Amino acid sequence: MIQKKHLPPDATIADVVADLEDASEYLRRVLGNMRFCQKRHGDACLRIGITGKRGQSKGLAPSYRIDYPAGPDADGMTIYNGFGGRSHSAFTPINVRETNWSRGHATIQEVQKLYDGLHKAGLEKAERDNPAPGTP
């Protein structure tokens, strides 16, 4: 029997990045969607779905929602859209409201930093595994 293990209610992408199926590709596509929001609304924040399956092995690809600040005088956030974690396709408005989203969020700068860290680690590993000719 497969057990569903929900993420904590305040989970962020930083909490699950190590469990993502293909973290670099997932974050690259998330950032693409966040940049559309940022271009249109000036900023973007990421919330992840917390009710998906969480297994013991890699393979997590949580759905996510992108929000932006409601305005200079408002305290809250406005929903930009929700996206499927595997397809990165936009949700319908009903799906966005019905999904259980984390209370925690990550800014576009924080997501970019996670992506850059993965990319840098990947480059360093590639250099260690395949040293340039003439390198001792």
C-alpha atoms as a PDB file:
ATOM      1  CA  MET A   1       0.000   0.000   0.000  1.00  0.00           C
ATOM      2  CA  ILE A   2       1.380   3.412  -0.982  1.00  0.00           C
ATOM      3  CA  GLN A   3       1.256   5.939   1.794  1.00  0.00           C
ATOM      4  CA  LYS A   4       0.731   9.588   1.037  1.00  0.00           C
ATOM      5  CA  LYS A   5       2.884  11.848   3.141  1.00  0.00           C
ATOM      6  CA  HIS A   6       1.913  15.461   2.982  1.00  0.00           C
ATOM      7  CA  LEU A   7       4.461  18.227   3.194  1.00  0.00           C
ATOM      8  CA  PRO A   8       4.413  20.531   6.227  1.00  0.00           C
ATOM      9  CA  PRO A   9       1.918  23.390   5.863  1.00  0.00           C
ATOM     10  CA  ASP A  10       4.712  25.990   5.686  1.00  0.00           C
ATOM     11  CA  ALA A  11       6.999  24.057   3.277  1.00  0.00           C
ATOM     12  CA  THR A  12       8.896  25.983   0.622  1.00  0.00           C
ATOM     13  CA  ILE A  13      10.724  24.904  -2.515  1.00  0.00           C
ATOM     14  CA  ALA A  14      13.990  25.033  -0.560  1.00  0.00           C
ATOM     15  CA  ASP A  15      12.638  22.300   1.747  1.00  0.00           C
ATOM     16  CA  VAL A  16      12.004  19.861  -1.115  1.00  0.00           C
ATOM     17  CA  VAL A  17      14.644  20.729  -3.716  1.00  0.00           C
ATOM     18  CA  ALA A  18      16.717  17.662  -2.828  1.00  0.00           C
ATOM     19  CA  ASP A  19      13.669  15.427  -3.440  1.00  0.00           C
ATOM     20  CA  LEU A  20      12.734  16.820  -6.853  1.00  0.00           C
ATOM     21  CA  GLU A  21      12.736  14.432  -9.787  1.00  0.00           C
ATOM     22  CA  ASP A  22      14.974  16.710 -11.897  1.00  0.00           C
ATOM     23  CA  ALA A  23      15.625  19.731  -9.705  1.00  0.00           C
ATOM     24  CA  SER A  24      17.492  21.787 -12.288  1.00  0.00           C
ATOM     25  CA  GLU A  25      14.842  21.369 -14.992  1.00  0.00           C
ATOM     26  CA  TYR A  26      11.986  21.833 -12.523  1.00  0.00           C
ATOM     27  CA  LEU A  27      13.458  25.094 -11.200  1.00  0.00           C
ATOM     28  CA  ARG A  28      14.282  26.326 -14.710  1.00  0.00           C
ATOM     29  CA  ARG A  29      10.648  25.939 -15.744  1.00  0.00           C
ATOM     30  CA  VAL A  30       9.338  27.426 -12.492  1.00  0.00           C
ATOM     31  CA  LEU A  31      11.577  30.458 -13.034  1.00  0.00           C
ATOM     32  CA  GLY A  32      10.241  30.859 -16.559  1.00  0.00           C
ATOM     33  CA  ASN A  33       6.687  31.079 -15.229  1.00  0.00           C
ATOM     34  CA  MET A  34       7.775  33.365 -12.408  1.00  0.00           C
ATOM     35  CA  ARG A  35       9.454  35.727 -14.880  1.00  0.00           C
ATOM     36  CA  PHE A  36       6.189  36.107 -16.814  1.00  0.00           C
ATOM     37  CA  CYS A  37       4.510  37.170 -13.576  1.00  0.00           C
ATOM     38  CA  GLN A  38       7.397  39.452 -12.619  1.00  0.00           C
ATOM     39  CA  LYS A  39       7.345  41.145 -16.018  1.00  0.00           C
ATOM     40  CA  ARG A  40       3.622  41.774 -15.788  1.00  0.00           C
ATOM     41  CA  HIS A  41       3.304  42.590 -12.071  1.00  0.00           C
ATOM     42  CA  GLY A  42       6.779  43.618 -10.880  1.00  0.00           C
ATOM     43  CA  ASP A  43       7.437  40.682  -8.559  1.00  0.00           C
ATOM     44  CA  ALA A  44       6.690  37.002  -8.053  1.00  0.00           C
ATOM     45  CA  CYS A  45       6.536  34.577  -5.112  1.00  0.00           C
ATOM     46  CA  LEU A  46       6.281  30.792  -5.222  1.00  0.00           C
ATOM     47  CA  ARG A  47       4.109  28.504  -3.101  1.00  0.00           C
ATOM     48  CA  ILE A  48       4.139  24.744  -3.525  1.00  0.00           C
ATOM     49  CA  GLY A  49       1.322  22.243  -3.247  1.00  0.00           C
ATOM     50  CA  ILE A  50       1.607  20.313   0.009  1.00  0.00           C
ATOM     51  CA  THR A  51      -0.730  17.367  -0.567  1.00  0.00           C
ATOM     52  CA  GLY A  52       1.109  15.473  -3.296  1.00  0.00           C
ATOM     53  CA  LYS A  53       2.833  12.138  -2.776  1.00  0.00           C
ATOM     54  CA  ARG A  54       6.161  12.309  -0.995  1.00  0.00           C
ATOM     55  CA  GLY A  55       8.107   9.098  -1.454  1.00  0.00           C
ATOM     56  CA  GLN A  56      11.403   7.894  -0.086  1.00  0.00           C
ATOM     57  CA  SER A  57      13.182   8.243  -3.436  1.00  0.00           C
ATOM     58  CA  LYS A  58      13.579  11.127  -5.832  1.00  0.00           C
ATOM     59  CA  GLY A  59      10.543  11.858  -7.881  1.00  0.00           C
ATOM     60  CA  LEU A  60       8.747  14.775  -6.264  1.00  0.00           C
ATOM     61  CA  ALA A  61       7.308  17.377  -8.643  1.00  0.00           C
ATOM     62  CA  PRO A  62       4.860  19.474  -6.616  1.00  0.00           C
ATOM     63  CA  SER A  63       2.316  21.674  -8.280  1.00  0.00           C
ATOM     64  CA  TYR A  64       2.981  25.315  -7.537  1.00  0.00           C
ATOM     65  CA  ARG A  65       1.297  28.691  -7.399  1.00  0.00           C
ATOM     66  CA  ILE A  66       2.806  32.031  -8.275  1.00  0.00           C
ATOM     67  CA  ASP A  67       1.590  35.132  -6.444  1.00  0.00           C
ATOM     68  CA  TYR A  68       2.488  38.796  -6.612  1.00  0.00           C
ATOM     69  CA  PRO A  69       2.070  41.701  -4.166  1.00  0.00           C
ATOM     70  CA  ALA A  70      -1.490  43.023  -4.232  1.00  0.00           C
ATOM     71  CA  GLY A  71      -0.349  46.651  -4.314  1.00  0.00           C
ATOM     72  CA  PRO A  72       1.682  49.219  -2.423  1.00  0.00           C
ATOM     73  CA  ASP A  73      -1.068  49.797   0.158  1.00  0.00           C
ATOM     74  CA  ALA A  74      -2.173  46.159   0.469  1.00  0.00           C
ATOM     75  CA  ASP A  75      -0.753  43.619   2.903  1.00  0.00           C
ATOM     76  CA  GLY A  76      -1.561  40.470   0.943  1.00  0.00           C
ATOM     77  CA  MET A  77      -0.707  38.724  -2.258  1.00  0.00           C
ATOM     78  CA  THR A  78      -2.723  38.217  -5.421  1.00  0.00           C
ATOM     79  CA  ILE A  79      -2.766  34.877  -7.214  1.00  0.00           C
ATOM     80  CA  TYR A  80      -1.105  34.979 -10.619  1.00  0.00           C
ATOM     81  CA  ASN A  81      -1.768  31.309 -11.448  1.00  0.00           C
ATOM     82  CA  GLY A  82      -1.141  27.716 -10.437  1.00  0.00           C
ATOM     83  CA  PHE A  83       0.865  25.219 -12.484  1.00  0.00           C
ATOM     84  CA  GLY A  84       1.234  21.455 -12.654  1.00  0.00           C
ATOM     85  CA  GLY A  85       4.550  20.272 -11.273  1.00  0.00           C
ATOM     86  CA  ARG A  86       5.305  17.807 -14.072  1.00  0.00           C
ATOM     87  CA  SER A  87       3.879  19.653 -17.072  1.00  0.00           C
ATOM     88  CA  HIS A  88       4.292  23.237 -15.796  1.00  0.00           C
ATOM     89  CA  SER A  89       0.981  23.945 -17.551  1.00  0.00           C
ATOM     90  CA  ALA A  90      -1.343  26.579 -16.123  1.00  0.00           C
ATOM     91  CA  PHE A  91      -4.265  25.496 -13.948  1.00  0.00           C
ATOM     92  CA  THR A  92      -7.858  26.534 -14.423  1.00  0.00           C
ATOM     93  CA  PRO A  93      -9.108  29.079 -11.860  1.00  0.00           C
ATOM     94  CA  ILE A  94     -11.024  26.306 -10.055  1.00  0.00           C
ATOM     95  CA  ASN A  95      -7.891  24.134  -9.747  1.00  0.00           C
ATOM     96  CA  VAL A  96      -5.942  27.061  -8.309  1.00  0.00           C
ATOM     97  CA  ARG A  97      -8.526  27.541  -5.555  1.00  0.00           C
ATOM     98  CA  GLU A  98      -8.971  23.836  -4.768  1.00  0.00           C
ATOM     99  CA  THR A  99      -5.321  22.854  -4.346  1.00  0.00           C
ATOM    100  CA  ASN A 100      -3.772  22.953  -0.870  1.00  0.00           C
ATOM    101  CA  TRP A 101      -0.936  25.467  -1.033  1.00  0.00           C
ATOM    102  CA  SER A 102       1.830  25.955   1.461  1.00  0.00           C
ATOM    103  CA  ARG A 103       1.677  28.961   3.751  1.00  0.00           C
ATOM    104  CA  GLY A 104       5.407  29.447   3.156  1.00  0.00           C
ATOM    105  CA  HIS A 105       6.695  31.032  -0.007  1.00  0.00           C
ATOM    106  CA  ALA A 106       9.930  31.798  -1.848  1.00  0.00           C
ATOM    107  CA  THR A 107      10.715  34.966  -3.768  1.00  0.00           C
ATOM    108  CA  ILE A 108      11.917  34.836  -7.348  1.00  0.00           C
ATOM    109  CA  GLN A 109      15.375  35.792  -6.059  1.00  0.00           C
ATOM    110  CA  GLU A 110      15.390  32.826  -3.661  1.00  0.00           C
ATOM    111  CA  VAL A 111      14.320  30.414  -6.408  1.00  0.00           C
ATOM    112  CA  GLN A 112      17.013  31.834  -8.712  1.00  0.00           C
ATOM    113  CA  LYS A 113      19.606  31.314  -5.976  1.00  0.00           C
ATOM    114  CA  LEU A 114      18.542  27.658  -5.582  1.00  0.00           C
ATOM    115  CA  TYR A 115      18.776  27.160  -9.346  1.00  0.00           C
ATOM    116  CA  ASP A 116      22.190  28.839  -9.552  1.00  0.00           C
ATOM    117  CA  GLY A 117      23.450  26.644  -6.699  1.00  0.00           C
ATOM    118  CA  LEU A 118      22.322  23.472  -8.483  1.00  0.00           C
ATOM    119  CA  HIS A 119      23.832  24.639 -11.762  1.00  0.00           C
ATOM    120  CA  LYS A 120      27.153  25.517 -10.097  1.00  0.00           C
ATOM    121  CA  ALA A 121      27.256  22.173  -8.258  1.00  0.00           C
ATOM    122  CA  GLY A 122      26.557  20.375 -11.545  1.00  0.00           C
ATOM    123  CA  LEU A 123      29.385  22.200 -13.317  1.00  0.00           C
ATOM    124  CA  GLU A 124      31.825  21.476 -10.495  1.00  0.00           C
ATOM    125  CA  LYS A 125      30.884  17.782 -10.551  1.00  0.00           C
ATOM    126  CA  ALA A 126      31.329  17.651 -14.326  1.00  0.00           C
ATOM    127  CA  GLU A 127      34.782  19.225 -14.003  1.00  0.00           C
ATOM    128  CA  ARG A 128      35.781  16.696 -11.315  1.00  0.00           C
ATOM    129  CA  ASP A 129      34.458  13.766 -13.372  1.00  0.00           C
ATOM    130  CA  ASN A 130      35.988  14.982 -16.655  1.00  0.00           C
ATOM    131  CA  PRO A 131      39.109  17.064 -15.990  1.00  0.00           C
ATOM    132  CA  ALA A 132      40.433  19.182 -18.830  1.00  0.00           C
ATOM    133  CA  PRO A 133      43.376  17.705 -20.757  1.00  0.00           C
ATOM    134  CA  GLY A 134      46.668  18.506 -19.075  1.00  0.00           C
ATOM    135  CA  THR A 135      45.067  18.908 -15.650  1.00  0.00           C
ATOM    136  CA  PRO A 136      46.896  16.936 -12.940  1.00  0.00           C
END
